[in-house]
Amino acid sequence: MNKLTSAVKVLVVDDQPLIVEELCEFLESSGYRCVPCESSQQAIQRFDDDPQIGLVLCDLHMPDMDGIELVRALQQVAGKHRAFEAIMLTGRADKQDVIKALRAGIADYYQKPINLDELLEGLKRQEAALEERQKDLQLGTLNQKLQYLSESINDLYMDLDKARRNPSKDTDGEPLADDAGPLEIPAIFNQLSPRQLDVARLVGRGQTNYQIACDLGITENTVKLYVSQVLRLTHMHNRTQLALALSPSNSAIRQRVTAH
């Protein structure tokens, strides 16, 4: 028996059990781990359950859902953070079917009866293409994390600088919202960091994310992140509820909103 050479699993889908069995036997002898399926619904479930599946071999004409519809369904399951490559198998290659398959994102197709050696070479090409797509996904995720980390560190330094200069004033030396009047901050907001509280107060003033970003010298994405954190920590459902809780003109409503 050949030693396994690929960490990527192959989803093999055909409504004819004999074809599934023969393909899996050949591919497993060539170093691939296979996940056999005899229906599209079964394939969707197994794809969802097993993140190691990265290659899909599927028949075009199946009774419950054709191969193109199946690949589109798998794309919905995969979302933006999981990649896979698909190869179509068909007993009758109609030109329109081929065009539809390519438009759906299917990388290649082979007509039955299948030349197994050609199929194996095609599978290896798609495995290489998959590796490049996975690298791009990982790089994109890493870049996003680095951006958030950089923005968070920058905000931390700004908070430290503000605390050293005057804990009761913001970075421009202007009083914060609670210094401008007798507004009492509900106790549920005591758990927030200084920056989270600044963002919450500006939301209470009715400012947009863009306006808050300009006032605090941070990006809109960072504002969105802070608003999300504030909503989660205060157990509020939306931005409107947060604004009501901190609005000086709605004290009665504020008491109801923040009551637990």
Protein backbone atom coordinates (compact mmCIF):
# COMPACT_ATOMS: atom_id res chain seq x y z
CA MET A 1 0.00 0.00 0.00
CA ASN A 2 1.31 3.46 -0.91
CA LYS A 3 2.16 5.81 1.92
CA LEU A 4 -0.20 8.77 2.32
CA THR A 5 1.23 11.87 0.67
CA SER A 6 -1.56 14.44 1.07
CA ALA A 7 -3.08 16.03 4.16
CA VAL A 8 -6.06 17.17 2.09
CA LYS A 9 -9.12 14.95 1.98
CA VAL A 10 -11.09 14.37 -1.22
CA LEU A 11 -14.89 14.43 -1.18
CA VAL A 12 -16.08 11.94 -3.82
CA VAL A 13 -19.75 12.37 -4.79
CA ASP A 14 -21.73 10.26 -7.27
CA ASP A 15 -25.18 8.71 -7.11
CA GLN A 16 -23.71 5.44 -8.44
CA PRO A 17 -22.08 3.58 -5.51
CA LEU A 18 -19.79 1.52 -7.77
CA ILE A 19 -18.20 4.66 -9.25
CA VAL A 20 -17.68 6.13 -5.78
CA GLU A 21 -16.05 2.90 -4.61
CA GLU A 22 -13.72 2.65 -7.62
CA LEU A 23 -12.64 6.29 -7.43
CA CYS A 24 -11.97 6.12 -3.70
CA GLU A 25 -9.98 2.89 -4.07
CA PHE A 26 -7.82 4.40 -6.82
CA LEU A 27 -7.23 7.72 -5.05
CA GLU A 28 -6.45 6.12 -1.71
CA SER A 29 -3.89 3.88 -3.40
CA SER A 30 -2.38 7.11 -4.81
CA GLY A 31 -1.97 8.77 -1.44
CA TYR A 32 -5.28 10.57 -0.81
CA ARG A 33 -7.83 10.13 1.95
CA CYS A 34 -11.33 10.02 0.54
CA VAL A 35 -14.77 10.80 1.95
CA PRO A 36 -17.33 8.81 -0.13
CA CYS A 37 -20.83 10.18 -0.68
CA GLU A 38 -23.76 8.91 -2.74
CA SER A 39 -25.92 12.05 -2.61
CA SER A 40 -25.49 15.80 -2.56
CA GLN A 41 -27.17 16.18 0.84
CA GLN A 42 -24.81 13.64 2.35
CA ALA A 43 -21.88 15.47 0.75
CA ILE A 44 -22.92 18.84 2.21
CA GLN A 45 -23.17 17.34 5.70
CA ARG A 46 -19.79 15.61 5.52
CA PHE A 47 -18.12 18.69 4.06
CA ASP A 48 -19.50 20.77 6.93
CA ASP A 49 -18.37 18.22 9.51
CA ASP A 50 -14.81 17.77 8.20
CA PRO A 51 -12.66 20.92 7.64
CA GLN A 52 -9.86 18.78 6.20
CA ILE A 53 -11.87 18.26 3.00
CA GLY A 54 -10.29 20.57 0.42
CA LEU A 55 -10.86 18.78 -2.89
CA VAL A 56 -14.24 17.81 -4.34
CA LEU A 57 -14.93 15.31 -7.13
CA CYS A 58 -18.61 15.30 -8.03
CA ASP A 59 -20.86 13.99 -10.75
CA LEU A 60 -22.71 16.62 -12.77
CA HIS A 61 -26.03 14.80 -13.14
CA MET A 62 -27.49 13.60 -9.84
CA PRO A 63 -31.18 13.22 -8.93
CA ASP A 64 -31.52 15.40 -5.82
CA MET A 65 -29.10 18.23 -6.65
CA ASP A 66 -26.78 18.47 -9.66
CA GLY A 67 -23.03 18.97 -9.29
CA ILE A 68 -23.13 22.70 -10.00
CA GLU A 69 -25.80 23.27 -7.36
CA LEU A 70 -23.80 21.13 -4.95
CA VAL A 71 -20.63 23.18 -5.41
CA ARG A 72 -22.59 26.39 -4.85
CA ALA A 73 -24.02 24.92 -1.65
CA LEU A 74 -20.52 23.94 -0.50
CA GLN A 75 -19.33 27.49 -1.21
CA GLN A 76 -22.06 28.76 1.12
CA VAL A 77 -20.89 26.35 3.82
CA ALA A 78 -17.24 27.32 3.32
CA GLY A 79 -17.86 31.07 3.52
CA LYS A 80 -14.90 33.43 3.24
CA HIS A 81 -12.57 31.59 5.60
CA ARG A 82 -12.37 28.14 3.99
CA ALA A 83 -11.10 27.23 0.53
CA PHE A 84 -11.67 24.18 -1.66
CA GLU A 85 -11.26 23.20 -5.30
CA ALA A 86 -13.87 21.25 -7.27
CA ILE A 87 -13.62 18.94 -10.29
CA MET A 88 -16.71 17.90 -12.22
CA LEU A 89 -17.30 14.43 -13.63
CA THR A 90 -19.87 13.99 -16.37
CA GLY A 91 -21.15 11.29 -18.66
CA ARG A 92 -22.35 13.80 -21.26
CA ALA A 93 -20.45 17.04 -21.60
CA ASP A 94 -22.83 19.69 -22.87
CA LYS A 95 -21.21 23.02 -23.74
CA GLN A 96 -23.69 25.02 -21.66
CA ASP A 97 -23.09 22.74 -18.67
CA VAL A 98 -19.34 23.33 -18.94
CA ILE A 99 -19.85 27.11 -19.08
CA LYS A 100 -22.16 27.01 -16.06
CA ALA A 101 -19.65 24.89 -14.16
CA LEU A 102 -16.79 27.28 -14.84
CA ARG A 103 -18.91 30.27 -13.85
CA ALA A 104 -19.79 28.50 -10.59
CA GLY A 105 -16.10 28.25 -9.73
CA ILE A 106 -15.49 24.62 -10.70
CA ALA A 107 -11.83 24.34 -11.65
CA ASP A 108 -11.88 21.44 -14.12
CA TYR A 109 -14.05 18.67 -15.55
CA TYR A 110 -13.53 15.14 -16.91
CA GLN A 111 -15.83 13.11 -19.11
CA LYS A 112 -16.77 9.52 -18.28
CA PRO A 113 -15.36 6.96 -18.77
CA ILE A 114 -12.60 8.66 -16.81
CA ASN A 115 -8.91 8.26 -17.54
CA LEU A 116 -7.73 7.76 -13.96
CA ASP A 117 -4.15 8.83 -14.63
CA GLU A 118 -5.34 12.10 -16.14
CA LEU A 119 -7.70 12.59 -13.23
CA LEU A 120 -4.87 12.05 -10.75
CA GLU A 121 -2.71 14.66 -12.49
CA GLY A 122 -5.62 17.09 -12.49
CA LEU A 123 -6.22 16.46 -8.81
CA LYS A 124 -2.57 17.20 -8.02
CA ARG A 125 -2.81 20.50 -9.93
CA GLN A 126 -5.88 21.50 -7.95
CA GLU A 127 -4.18 20.51 -4.71
CA ALA A 128 -1.33 22.91 -5.55
CA ALA A 129 -3.84 25.64 -6.39
CA LEU A 130 -5.62 24.99 -3.09
CA GLU A 131 -2.37 25.41 -1.15
CA GLU A 132 -1.88 28.86 -2.68
CA ARG A 133 -5.46 29.91 -1.87
CA GLN A 134 -5.06 28.72 1.72
CA LYS A 135 -1.84 30.73 2.07
CA ASP A 136 -3.66 33.83 0.83
CA LEU A 137 -6.48 33.25 3.33
CA GLN A 138 -4.03 32.78 6.21
CA LEU A 139 -2.08 35.88 5.18
CA GLY A 140 -5.27 37.94 4.99
CA THR A 141 -6.36 36.77 8.45
CA LEU A 142 -2.91 37.50 9.88
CA ASN A 143 -2.84 40.98 8.34
CA GLN A 144 -6.25 41.75 9.84
CA LYS A 145 -5.13 40.59 13.27
CA LEU A 146 -1.96 42.68 13.02
CA GLN A 147 -4.01 45.73 12.05
CA TYR A 148 -6.29 45.31 15.07
CA LEU A 149 -3.27 44.76 17.32
CA SER A 150 -1.54 47.87 16.00
CA GLU A 151 -4.67 49.98 16.49
CA SER A 152 -5.20 48.61 19.99
CA ILE A 153 -1.60 49.35 20.99
CA ASN A 154 -1.90 52.87 19.60
CA ASP A 155 -5.12 53.41 21.57
CA LEU A 156 -3.44 52.08 24.71
CA TYR A 157 -0.60 54.59 24.41
CA MET A 158 -3.13 57.37 23.87
CA ASP A 159 -5.03 56.32 27.00
CA LEU A 160 -1.82 56.22 29.05
CA ASP A 161 -0.78 59.65 27.80
CA LYS A 162 -4.20 61.08 28.61
CA ALA A 163 -4.13 59.56 32.11
CA ARG A 164 -0.69 61.06 32.81
CA ARG A 165 -1.70 64.56 31.69
CA ASN A 166 -5.15 64.76 33.26
CA PRO A 167 -7.37 61.77 34.04
CA SER A 168 -10.53 63.92 33.90
CA LYS A 169 -9.93 65.38 30.43
CA ASP A 170 -9.71 63.92 26.93
CA THR A 171 -6.72 64.22 24.58
CA ASP A 172 -7.70 67.75 23.48
CA GLY A 173 -7.99 69.01 27.06
CA GLU A 174 -11.77 69.31 26.80
CA PRO A 175 -14.02 67.92 29.53
CA LEU A 176 -15.57 64.54 28.77
CA ALA A 177 -19.34 64.17 28.57
CA ASP A 178 -19.76 63.56 32.30
CA ASP A 179 -17.80 66.76 33.11
CA ALA A 180 -20.12 68.89 31.03
CA GLY A 181 -23.16 68.37 33.21
CA PRO A 182 -24.76 66.38 36.00
CA LEU A 183 -25.28 63.26 33.89
CA GLU A 184 -24.81 60.19 36.04
CA ILE A 185 -23.24 57.21 34.31
CA PRO A 186 -25.18 53.98 35.03
CA ALA A 187 -23.24 51.49 37.14
CA ILE A 188 -23.21 48.92 34.34
CA PHE A 189 -20.70 51.14 32.49
CA ASN A 190 -18.15 51.01 35.35
CA GLN A 191 -16.60 47.86 33.86
CA LEU A 192 -15.60 49.65 30.64
CA SER A 193 -12.07 50.81 29.91
CA PRO A 194 -11.51 54.58 29.54
CA ARG A 195 -11.45 54.32 25.75
CA GLN A 196 -14.58 52.14 25.64
CA LEU A 197 -16.35 54.66 27.88
CA ASP A 198 -15.28 57.55 25.64
CA VAL A 199 -16.76 55.79 22.61
CA ALA A 200 -19.96 54.96 24.52
CA ARG A 201 -20.41 58.59 25.58
CA LEU A 202 -19.98 59.84 22.02
CA VAL A 203 -22.54 57.29 20.82
CA GLY A 204 -24.82 58.76 23.50
CA ARG A 205 -24.34 62.18 21.93
CA GLY A 206 -25.64 60.75 18.65
CA GLN A 207 -22.32 60.88 16.80
CA THR A 208 -21.61 58.58 13.86
CA ASN A 209 -18.65 56.19 13.72
CA TYR A 210 -16.89 58.64 11.41
CA GLN A 211 -17.39 61.53 13.81
CA ILE A 212 -16.22 59.45 16.75
CA ALA A 213 -13.14 58.34 14.80
CA CYS A 214 -12.27 61.97 14.04
CA ASP A 215 -12.83 63.08 17.65
CA LEU A 216 -10.70 60.31 19.16
CA GLY A 217 -8.06 60.07 16.42
CA ILE A 218 -8.71 56.42 15.62
CA THR A 219 -10.05 54.55 12.59
CA GLU A 220 -13.71 53.80 11.90
CA ASN A 221 -12.94 50.06 12.11
CA THR A 222 -11.57 50.58 15.61
CA VAL A 223 -14.71 52.52 16.57
CA LYS A 224 -16.85 49.63 15.31
CA LEU A 225 -14.75 47.24 17.39
CA TYR A 226 -15.20 49.37 20.53
CA VAL A 227 -18.96 49.74 19.99
CA SER A 228 -19.25 45.96 19.63
CA GLN A 229 -17.27 45.46 22.84
CA VAL A 230 -19.42 47.99 24.74
CA LEU A 231 -22.66 46.35 23.59
CA ARG A 232 -21.39 42.94 24.64
CA LEU A 233 -20.13 44.07 28.06
CA THR A 234 -23.30 46.05 28.86
CA HIS A 235 -25.65 43.37 27.49
CA MET A 236 -27.33 45.84 25.16
CA HIS A 237 -28.82 44.80 21.86
CA ASN A 238 -28.04 47.72 19.59
CA ARG A 239 -26.57 51.18 19.21
CA THR A 240 -29.92 52.91 19.83
CA GLN A 241 -30.31 51.26 23.21
CA LEU A 242 -26.76 52.33 24.10
CA ALA A 243 -27.46 55.92 23.07
CA LEU A 244 -30.64 56.03 25.16
CA ALA A 245 -28.78 54.71 28.19
CA LEU A 246 -26.32 57.63 28.04
CA SER A 247 -28.55 60.40 26.72
CA PRO A 248 -28.99 63.25 29.26
CA SER A 249 -32.41 64.11 27.79
CA ASN A 250 -33.84 60.63 28.35
CA SER A 251 -33.12 59.93 32.01
CA ALA A 252 -36.38 58.06 32.60
CA ILE A 253 -35.86 55.90 29.54
CA ARG A 254 -32.23 55.43 30.56
CA GLN A 255 -33.24 53.97 33.89
CA ARG A 256 -35.50 51.42 32.19
CA VAL A 257 -32.88 50.51 29.57
CA THR A 258 -30.10 49.91 32.08
CA ALA A 259 -32.24 48.14 34.68
CA HIS A 260 -31.44 44.44 35.13
